[in-house]
Every structure is written in C-alpha cells, then in structure tokens.
Amino acid sequence: MLATGGYVAVPVGLAAWMCRRPLVVHEQTVRLGLANRTLARVAARVAVSSPSTLELLPPASRATAVVTGNPVRPNLLAGDPRRGVEALGLRGCDPRRPTVYVTGGAQGSQQINSLVVEILPWLLQQANVVHQCGPGDLELLRRQTARLPVEAAGRYFLTGYMGGELPDVLALADVVISRSGAGTIAELTALGKAAVLIPLASSAGNEQAHNARHLADAGAAVALLGEVSAADVQAAATPLLTDPGRRAAMAARARDHGRPDAAERLADVVLAAAHDTP
C-alpha cells in the first residue's frame, strides 16, 4: 500500500500493517504531516520529497527513508516555448522581454489576481504576462484590464484555465508568480523556474509557507509571507525581471532542488517494499 498522508490514510495504513502487507509512506511536503508521522513508525519504507524532511522522521524510520522527490506529470517536462506562443495566440509577445506566468491553481486565487492587477501596467512595461486567473475571476479581470494601452495589451494573455497548453506555457515562462503547494513546488523545481511564491495562508499545517520558505532559504525562490501588498510583489519581481543573471541563478538553484525522475524513484521504492515482503 502507498499512503501519501491525510487522516483517511491512517486507519487504512494501520490495517495494511496489521495484515502484514507492505506499507510505503510518501511525504509530499517539506514538513512531515501528522498522518505520515504516525504511519512512518510501521511502514516498510518511507519516501520523502526533500532531504530536510529526513530529520523530522522518527529515529527508527530514518534507516528505511529514501528521498524520491514528488512526482510530476511527464508531459510537463516536454514543453516548447514556441508552441506556447502559438497556442495562446500571443502575437504581441516581445521576445526581448521575459515572460511572467501568473497562476493561483486551477481555481485561481483572488489574492494573487488582485495583487497582480494592481501592478499590471508596471509589469507589462517589463515583461510579457500570461495570467491564469481561475474561472471565477475571469469576467471581473477582463473588465479591469480592458483599458490597457494597445501595445501593452498585446503582451497580456488572460485565461480562466490552462489545459493541454500548460507544458508549453511553463516552458515559455521565465518567472512564475504562484502559490506554493507541494505539486507546484515539484513542477517549478523540476523545470528550474525562478518564482515569486505567495503561500495560501489557510493551507493545512501552514505547509505552503514551509514549502516557500524552504526554497527561499536556498535562494531558489522568493517567498512573500504574511500580509502581502502589491508593492511587495513588485519589489520581489523587479530584480528577476531586470537582471537576467540573477534570474538564471535562481532558476539553477530551483533546478538543484528538482527531481524530474521522482515517479520512477517512488515506483522503485514501492516495488522494493513488495519484493522484500515474505
């Protein structure tokens, strides 16, 4: 059995242990959740996404722990920036400017949308902007951005949702402004993207703030914690947009934390646990 946390995993994981079925626990975040902390004591193997998580494990569990990373969809690693421009119809895209991808996840983020719209005229002076705002805010943002100057409007693409074009959009992006959930962190580091992270304050156990701080401490992202203003976002984005060297250095540090082969590593751990079980 493979358990990735959450309260529903505890009774099922304990049942697997009682029935002498191999249990593999995978921690997706930097912190160790309560469910996985409990199950780690009876697991045949423990897989974690970050080396820093190892020291949070119960001492007896560290001997069986493996750093696998957090799996990402393989197609995300095969994007093409030229296809991204074509898919979005970004005819005004200026190749001399960096491209910023703004996202709050599939449902969008009102907080991120509001912050970005407030600095959008400045942002479009610096960059091309692809803004995935979520379906709920799409019409409001269309009205708010309807009066952008023609030249700037040509470098701005607004959409409620990203579908099959997402890998190409990520390949096109030089800087990402986003939340810092486990999946997002895995994708940004696997791709090596400079990022400004704005954690969701209500995430369980404040895990998004821990994820963001972990990368920021390594110089692999900028983390905006607590109360965040539009001025904070502008200040964080400015050096990344105006200094290609600094942007490239952050992207390289992010890539150092990425594990694009995480799915294969985790599959190997599961198969090893099954093989070792009498």
C-alpha atoms as a PDB file:
ATOM      1  CA  MET A   1       0.000   0.000   0.000  1.00  0.00           C
ATOM      2  CA  LEU A   2       1.139   3.543  -0.780  1.00  0.00           C
ATOM      3  CA  ALA A   3      -0.044   6.287   1.595  1.00  0.00           C
ATOM      4  CA  THR A   4       0.513   9.981   0.907  1.00  0.00           C
ATOM      5  CA  GLY A   5      -0.937  11.449   4.079  1.00  0.00           C
ATOM      6  CA  GLY A   6      -4.277  12.773   5.248  1.00  0.00           C
ATOM      7  CA  TYR A   7      -6.391  11.450   8.082  1.00  0.00           C
ATOM      8  CA  VAL A   8      -8.083   8.829   5.874  1.00  0.00           C
ATOM      9  CA  ALA A   9      -4.705   7.142   5.294  1.00  0.00           C
ATOM     10  CA  VAL A  10      -4.137   6.296   8.953  1.00  0.00           C
ATOM     11  CA  PRO A  11      -6.739   3.528   9.505  1.00  0.00           C
ATOM     12  CA  VAL A  12      -6.074   2.010   6.073  1.00  0.00           C
ATOM     13  CA  GLY A  13      -2.308   2.124   6.602  1.00  0.00           C
ATOM     14  CA  LEU A  14      -2.589   0.537  10.043  1.00  0.00           C
ATOM     15  CA  ALA A  15      -4.849  -2.135   8.592  1.00  0.00           C
ATOM     16  CA  ALA A  16      -2.218  -2.923   5.949  1.00  0.00           C
ATOM     17  CA  TRP A  17       0.426  -3.243   8.672  1.00  0.00           C
ATOM     18  CA  MET A  18      -1.805  -5.496  10.805  1.00  0.00           C
ATOM     19  CA  CYS A  19      -2.479  -7.691   7.759  1.00  0.00           C
ATOM     20  CA  ARG A  20       1.278  -7.902   7.085  1.00  0.00           C
ATOM     21  CA  ARG A  21       1.002  -6.045   3.809  1.00  0.00           C
ATOM     22  CA  PRO A  22       3.929  -3.747   2.955  1.00  0.00           C
ATOM     23  CA  LEU A  23       3.188  -0.080   3.615  1.00  0.00           C
ATOM     24  CA  VAL A  24       5.065   2.716   1.876  1.00  0.00           C
ATOM     25  CA  VAL A  25       4.563   6.256   3.169  1.00  0.00           C
ATOM     26  CA  HIS A  26       5.269   9.208   0.888  1.00  0.00           C
ATOM     27  CA  GLU A  27       5.510  12.751   2.295  1.00  0.00           C
ATOM     28  CA  GLN A  28       4.854  15.318  -0.447  1.00  0.00           C
ATOM     29  CA  THR A  29       5.642  18.453   1.537  1.00  0.00           C
ATOM     30  CA  VAL A  30       8.739  19.755   3.307  1.00  0.00           C
ATOM     31  CA  ARG A  31       7.111  19.277   6.686  1.00  0.00           C
ATOM     32  CA  LEU A  32       6.017  15.885   7.979  1.00  0.00           C
ATOM     33  CA  GLY A  33       2.262  15.661   8.423  1.00  0.00           C
ATOM     34  CA  LEU A  34       0.719  14.022  11.477  1.00  0.00           C
ATOM     35  CA  ALA A  35      -0.734  11.122   9.488  1.00  0.00           C
ATOM     36  CA  ASN A  36       2.601  10.280   7.877  1.00  0.00           C
ATOM     37  CA  ARG A  37       4.445  10.769  11.158  1.00  0.00           C
ATOM     38  CA  THR A  38       2.154   8.143  12.676  1.00  0.00           C
ATOM     39  CA  LEU A  39       2.374   5.690   9.779  1.00  0.00           C
ATOM     40  CA  ALA A  40       6.134   6.053   9.406  1.00  0.00           C
ATOM     41  CA  ARG A  41       6.559   4.017  12.600  1.00  0.00           C
ATOM     42  CA  VAL A  42       5.013   0.934  10.981  1.00  0.00           C
ATOM     43  CA  ALA A  43       5.962   1.494   7.330  1.00  0.00           C
ATOM     44  CA  ALA A  44       8.237  -0.831   5.387  1.00  0.00           C
ATOM     45  CA  ARG A  45       9.630   2.199   3.529  1.00  0.00           C
ATOM     46  CA  VAL A  46       9.337   5.966   3.883  1.00  0.00           C
ATOM     47  CA  ALA A  47       9.748   8.217   0.855  1.00  0.00           C
ATOM     48  CA  VAL A  48      10.171  11.976   1.224  1.00  0.00           C
ATOM     49  CA  SER A  49      10.308  14.844  -1.237  1.00  0.00           C
ATOM     50  CA  SER A  50      13.109  16.789   0.417  1.00  0.00           C
ATOM     51  CA  PRO A  51      16.273  15.813   2.317  1.00  0.00           C
ATOM     52  CA  SER A  52      15.301  18.291   5.030  1.00  0.00           C
ATOM     53  CA  THR A  53      12.327  16.076   5.908  1.00  0.00           C
ATOM     54  CA  LEU A  54      14.554  13.176   6.963  1.00  0.00           C
ATOM     55  CA  GLU A  55      15.434  14.748  10.308  1.00  0.00           C
ATOM     56  CA  LEU A  56      11.720  15.104  11.123  1.00  0.00           C
ATOM     57  CA  LEU A  57      11.119  11.354  10.898  1.00  0.00           C
ATOM     58  CA  PRO A  58      11.028   9.138  13.996  1.00  0.00           C
ATOM     59  CA  PRO A  59      14.614   7.875  14.522  1.00  0.00           C
ATOM     60  CA  ALA A  60      13.714   4.256  13.795  1.00  0.00           C
ATOM     61  CA  SER A  61      12.175   5.259  10.438  1.00  0.00           C
ATOM     62  CA  ARG A  62      15.204   7.089   9.081  1.00  0.00           C
ATOM     63  CA  ALA A  63      17.021   3.868   8.191  1.00  0.00           C
ATOM     64  CA  THR A  64      14.286   2.987   5.685  1.00  0.00           C
ATOM     65  CA  ALA A  65      13.771   6.519   4.366  1.00  0.00           C
ATOM     66  CA  VAL A  66      14.536   7.477   0.762  1.00  0.00           C
ATOM     67  CA  VAL A  67      14.484  10.907  -0.880  1.00  0.00           C
ATOM     68  CA  THR A  68      12.430  10.416  -4.053  1.00  0.00           C
ATOM     69  CA  GLY A  69      11.040  13.867  -4.715  1.00  0.00           C
ATOM     70  CA  ASN A  70       7.402  14.489  -5.598  1.00  0.00           C
ATOM     71  CA  PRO A  71       6.193  13.027  -8.928  1.00  0.00           C
ATOM     72  CA  VAL A  72       5.224  15.407 -11.730  1.00  0.00           C
ATOM     73  CA  ARG A  73       3.365  14.646 -14.941  1.00  0.00           C
ATOM     74  CA  PRO A  74       5.879  13.642 -17.645  1.00  0.00           C
ATOM     75  CA  ASN A  75       4.295  15.890 -20.285  1.00  0.00           C
ATOM     76  CA  LEU A  76       5.100  18.966 -18.176  1.00  0.00           C
ATOM     77  CA  LEU A  77       8.778  18.319 -18.826  1.00  0.00           C
ATOM     78  CA  ALA A  78       8.366  18.343 -22.616  1.00  0.00           C
ATOM     79  CA  GLY A  79       7.021  21.849 -23.243  1.00  0.00           C
ATOM     80  CA  ASP A  80       8.130  24.102 -26.083  1.00  0.00           C
ATOM     81  CA  PRO A  81       8.065  27.902 -25.671  1.00  0.00           C
ATOM     82  CA  ARG A  82       7.335  28.445 -29.384  1.00  0.00           C
ATOM     83  CA  ARG A  83       4.268  26.230 -29.128  1.00  0.00           C
ATOM     84  CA  GLY A  84       3.246  28.239 -26.072  1.00  0.00           C
ATOM     85  CA  VAL A  85       3.227  31.489 -28.051  1.00  0.00           C
ATOM     86  CA  GLU A  86       1.251  29.831 -30.849  1.00  0.00           C
ATOM     87  CA  ALA A  87      -1.246  28.114 -28.539  1.00  0.00           C
ATOM     88  CA  LEU A  88      -2.078  31.337 -26.723  1.00  0.00           C
ATOM     89  CA  GLY A  89      -2.090  33.491 -29.846  1.00  0.00           C
ATOM     90  CA  LEU A  90       0.352  35.892 -28.183  1.00  0.00           C
ATOM     91  CA  ARG A  91       1.007  37.890 -31.333  1.00  0.00           C
ATOM     92  CA  GLY A  92       2.275  40.837 -29.306  1.00  0.00           C
ATOM     93  CA  CYS A  93       4.764  38.709 -27.381  1.00  0.00           C
ATOM     94  CA  ASP A  94       8.090  40.533 -27.267  1.00  0.00           C
ATOM     95  CA  PRO A  95      10.990  38.038 -27.296  1.00  0.00           C
ATOM     96  CA  ARG A  96      13.270  40.733 -25.880  1.00  0.00           C
ATOM     97  CA  ARG A  97      11.249  40.768 -22.672  1.00  0.00           C
ATOM     98  CA  PRO A  98      10.973  37.942 -20.118  1.00  0.00           C
ATOM     99  CA  THR A  99       7.625  36.199 -19.766  1.00  0.00           C
ATOM    100  CA  VAL A 100       5.799  36.010 -16.445  1.00  0.00           C
ATOM    101  CA  TYR A 101       3.270  33.264 -15.771  1.00  0.00           C
ATOM    102  CA  VAL A 102       0.770  34.107 -13.033  1.00  0.00           C
ATOM    103  CA  THR A 103      -1.313  31.286 -11.579  1.00  0.00           C
ATOM    104  CA  GLY A 104      -3.289  30.511  -8.484  1.00  0.00           C
ATOM    105  CA  GLY A 105      -4.013  26.917  -9.441  1.00  0.00           C
ATOM    106  CA  ALA A 106      -6.967  25.546 -11.374  1.00  0.00           C
ATOM    107  CA  GLN A 107      -9.483  27.604  -9.397  1.00  0.00           C
ATOM    108  CA  GLY A 108      -7.301  30.705  -9.355  1.00  0.00           C
ATOM    109  CA  SER A 109      -6.509  32.933  -6.403  1.00  0.00           C
ATOM    110  CA  GLN A 110      -8.349  36.169  -5.707  1.00  0.00           C
ATOM    111  CA  GLN A 111      -5.405  37.355  -3.636  1.00  0.00           C
ATOM    112  CA  ILE A 112      -2.834  36.817  -6.383  1.00  0.00           C
ATOM    113  CA  ASN A 113      -5.184  38.205  -9.043  1.00  0.00           C
ATOM    114  CA  SER A 114      -5.765  41.409  -7.083  1.00  0.00           C
ATOM    115  CA  LEU A 115      -2.077  41.923  -6.357  1.00  0.00           C
ATOM    116  CA  VAL A 116      -1.035  41.373  -9.976  1.00  0.00           C
ATOM    117  CA  VAL A 117      -3.760  43.582 -11.479  1.00  0.00           C
ATOM    118  CA  GLU A 118      -2.675  46.408  -9.186  1.00  0.00           C
ATOM    119  CA  ILE A 119       0.852  46.366 -10.641  1.00  0.00           C
ATOM    120  CA  LEU A 120      -0.087  45.186 -14.135  1.00  0.00           C
ATOM    121  CA  PRO A 121       0.767  48.437 -16.011  1.00  0.00           C
ATOM    122  CA  TRP A 122       4.262  48.336 -14.498  1.00  0.00           C
ATOM    123  CA  LEU A 123       4.578  44.595 -15.062  1.00  0.00           C
ATOM    124  CA  LEU A 124       3.747  44.925 -18.750  1.00  0.00           C
ATOM    125  CA  GLN A 125       6.489  47.508 -19.161  1.00  0.00           C
ATOM    126  CA  GLN A 126       8.935  44.812 -18.042  1.00  0.00           C
ATOM    127  CA  ALA A 127       7.513  41.574 -19.407  1.00  0.00           C
ATOM    128  CA  ASN A 128       5.008  39.563 -21.367  1.00  0.00           C
ATOM    129  CA  VAL A 129       2.359  38.282 -18.948  1.00  0.00           C
ATOM    130  CA  VAL A 130       0.293  35.094 -19.103  1.00  0.00           C
ATOM    131  CA  HIS A 131      -2.330  35.257 -16.368  1.00  0.00           C
ATOM    132  CA  GLN A 132      -4.351  32.175 -15.434  1.00  0.00           C
ATOM    133  CA  CYS A 133      -6.878  33.678 -13.050  1.00  0.00           C
ATOM    134  CA  GLY A 134      -9.427  30.902 -12.479  1.00  0.00           C
ATOM    135  CA  PRO A 135     -12.966  30.882 -13.905  1.00  0.00           C
ATOM    136  CA  GLY A 136     -14.494  32.795 -11.013  1.00  0.00           C
ATOM    137  CA  ASP A 137     -12.493  35.993 -11.565  1.00  0.00           C
ATOM    138  CA  LEU A 138     -12.285  35.932 -15.352  1.00  0.00           C
ATOM    139  CA  GLU A 139     -15.053  38.414 -16.206  1.00  0.00           C
ATOM    140  CA  LEU A 140     -14.039  40.830 -13.440  1.00  0.00           C
ATOM    141  CA  LEU A 141     -10.430  40.847 -14.616  1.00  0.00           C
ATOM    142  CA  ARG A 142     -11.492  41.298 -18.223  1.00  0.00           C
ATOM    143  CA  ARG A 143     -13.298  44.477 -17.201  1.00  0.00           C
ATOM    144  CA  GLN A 144     -10.403  45.661 -15.052  1.00  0.00           C
ATOM    145  CA  THR A 145      -7.854  45.173 -17.842  1.00  0.00           C
ATOM    146  CA  ALA A 146      -9.991  46.307 -20.769  1.00  0.00           C
ATOM    147  CA  ARG A 147      -8.346  49.745 -20.907  1.00  0.00           C
ATOM    148  CA  LEU A 148      -4.754  48.646 -21.125  1.00  0.00           C
ATOM    149  CA  PRO A 149      -2.787  50.523 -23.810  1.00  0.00           C
ATOM    150  CA  VAL A 150      -2.832  48.655 -27.117  1.00  0.00           C
ATOM    151  CA  GLU A 151       0.880  47.820 -27.077  1.00  0.00           C
ATOM    152  CA  ALA A 152       0.749  46.518 -23.506  1.00  0.00           C
ATOM    153  CA  ALA A 153      -2.483  44.613 -24.144  1.00  0.00           C
ATOM    154  CA  GLY A 154      -0.734  42.686 -26.913  1.00  0.00           C
ATOM    155  CA  ARG A 155       1.701  41.296 -24.330  1.00  0.00           C
ATOM    156  CA  TYR A 156      -1.038  40.256 -21.893  1.00  0.00           C
ATOM    157  CA  PHE A 157      -2.967  36.998 -22.092  1.00  0.00           C
ATOM    158  CA  LEU A 158      -5.781  36.352 -19.628  1.00  0.00           C
ATOM    159  CA  THR A 159      -7.479  32.985 -19.217  1.00  0.00           C
ATOM    160  CA  GLY A 160      -9.569  31.231 -16.614  1.00  0.00           C
ATOM    161  CA  TYR A 161      -7.973  27.836 -17.080  1.00  0.00           C
ATOM    162  CA  MET A 162      -4.944  26.169 -18.649  1.00  0.00           C
ATOM    163  CA  GLY A 163      -5.430  22.857 -20.426  1.00  0.00           C
ATOM    164  CA  GLY A 164      -3.141  20.926 -22.709  1.00  0.00           C
ATOM    165  CA  GLU A 165      -1.084  24.028 -23.439  1.00  0.00           C
ATOM    166  CA  LEU A 166       0.239  24.213 -19.865  1.00  0.00           C
ATOM    167  CA  PRO A 167       3.575  22.435 -20.547  1.00  0.00           C
ATOM    168  CA  ASP A 168       4.321  24.896 -23.348  1.00  0.00           C
ATOM    169  CA  VAL A 169       3.298  27.887 -21.217  1.00  0.00           C
ATOM    170  CA  LEU A 170       5.615  26.740 -18.433  1.00  0.00           C
ATOM    171  CA  ALA A 171       8.418  26.317 -20.966  1.00  0.00           C
ATOM    172  CA  LEU A 172       7.774  29.873 -22.157  1.00  0.00           C
ATOM    173  CA  ALA A 173       7.764  31.335 -18.630  1.00  0.00           C
ATOM    174  CA  ASP A 174      10.925  32.922 -17.236  1.00  0.00           C
ATOM    175  CA  VAL A 175       9.328  33.874 -13.906  1.00  0.00           C
ATOM    176  CA  VAL A 176       6.313  32.332 -12.182  1.00  0.00           C
ATOM    177  CA  ILE A 177       4.114  34.050  -9.593  1.00  0.00           C
ATOM    178  CA  SER A 178       2.110  31.394  -7.787  1.00  0.00           C
ATOM    179  CA  ARG A 179       1.067  29.567  -4.656  1.00  0.00           C
ATOM    180  CA  SER A 180       3.478  27.067  -3.107  1.00  0.00           C
ATOM    181  CA  GLY A 181       1.622  23.791  -2.764  1.00  0.00           C
ATOM    182  CA  ALA A 182       3.560  20.540  -2.976  1.00  0.00           C
ATOM    183  CA  GLY A 183       2.616  19.897  -6.605  1.00  0.00           C
ATOM    184  CA  THR A 184       3.510  23.416  -7.688  1.00  0.00           C
ATOM    185  CA  ILE A 185       6.888  23.265  -5.944  1.00  0.00           C
ATOM    186  CA  ALA A 186       7.634  19.903  -7.572  1.00  0.00           C
ATOM    187  CA  GLU A 187       6.836  21.280 -11.027  1.00  0.00           C
ATOM    188  CA  LEU A 188       8.738  24.552 -10.663  1.00  0.00           C
ATOM    189  CA  THR A 189      11.866  22.855  -9.362  1.00  0.00           C
ATOM    190  CA  ALA A 190      11.763  20.024 -11.899  1.00  0.00           C
ATOM    191  CA  LEU A 191      11.602  22.676 -14.640  1.00  0.00           C
ATOM    192  CA  GLY A 192      14.042  25.070 -12.957  1.00  0.00           C
ATOM    193  CA  LYS A 193      11.867  28.198 -12.814  1.00  0.00           C
ATOM    194  CA  ALA A 194      12.560  31.411 -10.936  1.00  0.00           C
ATOM    195  CA  ALA A 195       9.483  32.095  -8.830  1.00  0.00           C
ATOM    196  CA  VAL A 196       7.761  34.534  -6.518  1.00  0.00           C
ATOM    197  CA  LEU A 197       5.746  32.386  -4.115  1.00  0.00           C
ATOM    198  CA  ILE A 198       2.705  33.649  -2.232  1.00  0.00           C
ATOM    199  CA  PRO A 199       1.612  30.802   0.093  1.00  0.00           C
ATOM    200  CA  LEU A 200      -2.015  30.074   0.819  1.00  0.00           C
ATOM    201  CA  ALA A 201      -2.355  31.116   4.449  1.00  0.00           C
ATOM    202  CA  SER A 202      -5.100  28.586   5.178  1.00  0.00           C
ATOM    203  CA  SER A 203      -3.182  25.534   3.925  1.00  0.00           C
ATOM    204  CA  ALA A 204      -3.158  22.606   6.348  1.00  0.00           C
ATOM    205  CA  GLY A 205      -0.395  22.975   8.915  1.00  0.00           C
ATOM    206  CA  ASN A 206       0.735  26.122   7.100  1.00  0.00           C
ATOM    207  CA  GLU A 207       2.538  23.716   4.749  1.00  0.00           C
ATOM    208  CA  GLN A 208       2.655  26.156   1.824  1.00  0.00           C
ATOM    209  CA  ALA A 209       4.578  28.698   3.902  1.00  0.00           C
ATOM    210  CA  HIS A 210       7.064  25.989   4.925  1.00  0.00           C
ATOM    211  CA  ASN A 211       7.481  24.935   1.284  1.00  0.00           C
ATOM    212  CA  ALA A 212       8.078  28.517   0.159  1.00  0.00           C
ATOM    213  CA  ARG A 213      10.477  29.322   2.995  1.00  0.00           C
ATOM    214  CA  HIS A 214      12.483  26.170   2.281  1.00  0.00           C
ATOM    215  CA  LEU A 215      13.143  27.262  -1.313  1.00  0.00           C
ATOM    216  CA  ALA A 216      13.699  30.894  -0.368  1.00  0.00           C
ATOM    217  CA  ASP A 217      16.346  29.928   2.188  1.00  0.00           C
ATOM    218  CA  ALA A 218      18.204  28.153  -0.611  1.00  0.00           C
ATOM    219  CA  GLY A 219      17.922  31.104  -2.989  1.00  0.00           C
ATOM    220  CA  ALA A 220      15.660  29.019  -5.234  1.00  0.00           C
ATOM    221  CA  ALA A 221      12.609  31.316  -4.990  1.00  0.00           C
ATOM    222  CA  VAL A 222      11.316  34.462  -3.343  1.00  0.00           C
ATOM    223  CA  ALA A 223       8.788  33.817  -0.572  1.00  0.00           C
ATOM    224  CA  LEU A 224       6.259  36.500   0.386  1.00  0.00           C
ATOM    225  CA  LEU A 225       4.908  35.508   3.782  1.00  0.00           C
ATOM    226  CA  GLY A 226       2.232  37.034   5.984  1.00  0.00           C
ATOM    227  CA  GLU A 227       0.376  40.112   4.768  1.00  0.00           C
ATOM    228  CA  VAL A 228       1.415  40.752   1.164  1.00  0.00           C
ATOM    229  CA  SER A 229       0.919  44.007  -0.738  1.00  0.00           C
ATOM    230  CA  ALA A 230       1.195  44.776  -4.439  1.00  0.00           C
ATOM    231  CA  ALA A 231       4.333  46.748  -3.630  1.00  0.00           C
ATOM    232  CA  ASP A 232       5.830  43.593  -2.104  1.00  0.00           C
ATOM    233  CA  VAL A 233       5.151  41.645  -5.293  1.00  0.00           C
ATOM    234  CA  GLN A 234       6.665  44.402  -7.424  1.00  0.00           C
ATOM    235  CA  ALA A 235       9.757  44.574  -5.226  1.00  0.00           C
ATOM    236  CA  ALA A 236      10.187  40.802  -5.387  1.00  0.00           C
ATOM    237  CA  ALA A 237       9.713  40.617  -9.156  1.00  0.00           C
ATOM    238  CA  THR A 238      11.858  43.625 -10.108  1.00  0.00           C
ATOM    239  CA  PRO A 239      15.336  42.053  -9.767  1.00  0.00           C
ATOM    240  CA  LEU A 240      14.183  38.878 -11.500  1.00  0.00           C
ATOM    241  CA  LEU A 241      12.805  40.807 -14.471  1.00  0.00           C
ATOM    242  CA  THR A 242      15.576  43.359 -14.815  1.00  0.00           C
ATOM    243  CA  ASP A 243      18.615  41.173 -14.105  1.00  0.00           C
ATOM    244  CA  PRO A 244      18.878  38.102 -16.388  1.00  0.00           C
ATOM    245  CA  GLY A 245      21.869  36.819 -14.440  1.00  0.00           C
ATOM    246  CA  ARG A 246      20.018  36.874 -11.148  1.00  0.00           C
ATOM    247  CA  ARG A 247      17.016  35.216 -12.761  1.00  0.00           C
ATOM    248  CA  ALA A 248      19.188  32.464 -14.239  1.00  0.00           C
ATOM    249  CA  ALA A 249      20.947  31.877 -10.908  1.00  0.00           C
ATOM    250  CA  MET A 250      17.624  31.428  -9.101  1.00  0.00           C
ATOM    251  CA  ALA A 251      16.391  29.088 -11.832  1.00  0.00           C
ATOM    252  CA  ALA A 252      19.555  26.996 -11.472  1.00  0.00           C
ATOM    253  CA  ARG A 253      19.102  26.762  -7.696  1.00  0.00           C
ATOM    254  CA  ALA A 254      15.478  25.741  -8.195  1.00  0.00           C
ATOM    255  CA  ARG A 255      16.598  23.030 -10.617  1.00  0.00           C
ATOM    256  CA  ASP A 256      19.045  21.758  -7.996  1.00  0.00           C
ATOM    257  CA  HIS A 257      16.022  21.012  -5.793  1.00  0.00           C
ATOM    258  CA  GLY A 258      14.040  19.380  -8.584  1.00  0.00           C
ATOM    259  CA  ARG A 259      13.644  15.662  -9.121  1.00  0.00           C
ATOM    260  CA  PRO A 260      12.088  15.115 -12.534  1.00  0.00           C
ATOM    261  CA  ASP A 261      12.517  11.353 -12.113  1.00  0.00           C
ATOM    262  CA  ALA A 262      10.543  11.284  -8.842  1.00  0.00           C
ATOM    263  CA  ALA A 263       7.825   8.993 -10.214  1.00  0.00           C
ATOM    264  CA  GLU A 264      10.365   6.350 -11.188  1.00  0.00           C
ATOM    265  CA  ARG A 265      12.156   6.684  -7.832  1.00  0.00           C
ATOM    266  CA  LEU A 266       8.906   6.261  -5.914  1.00  0.00           C
ATOM    267  CA  ALA A 267       7.855   3.293  -8.037  1.00  0.00           C
ATOM    268  CA  ASP A 268      11.208   1.637  -7.265  1.00  0.00           C
ATOM    269  CA  VAL A 269      10.619   2.132  -3.530  1.00  0.00           C
ATOM    270  CA  VAL A 270       7.157   0.559  -3.741  1.00  0.00           C
ATOM    271  CA  LEU A 271       8.440  -2.405  -5.759  1.00  0.00           C
ATOM    272  CA  ALA A 272      11.355  -2.929  -3.349  1.00  0.00           C
ATOM    273  CA  ALA A 273       8.972  -2.980  -0.391  1.00  0.00           C
ATOM    274  CA  ALA A 274       6.789  -5.552  -2.143  1.00  0.00           C
ATOM    275  CA  HIS A 275       9.792  -7.668  -3.093  1.00  0.00           C
ATOM    276  CA  ASP A 276      11.169  -7.737   0.443  1.00  0.00           C
ATOM    277  CA  THR A 277       7.918  -8.889   1.974  1.00  0.00           C
ATOM    278  CA  PRO A 278       7.840 -12.620   2.732  1.00  0.00           C
END
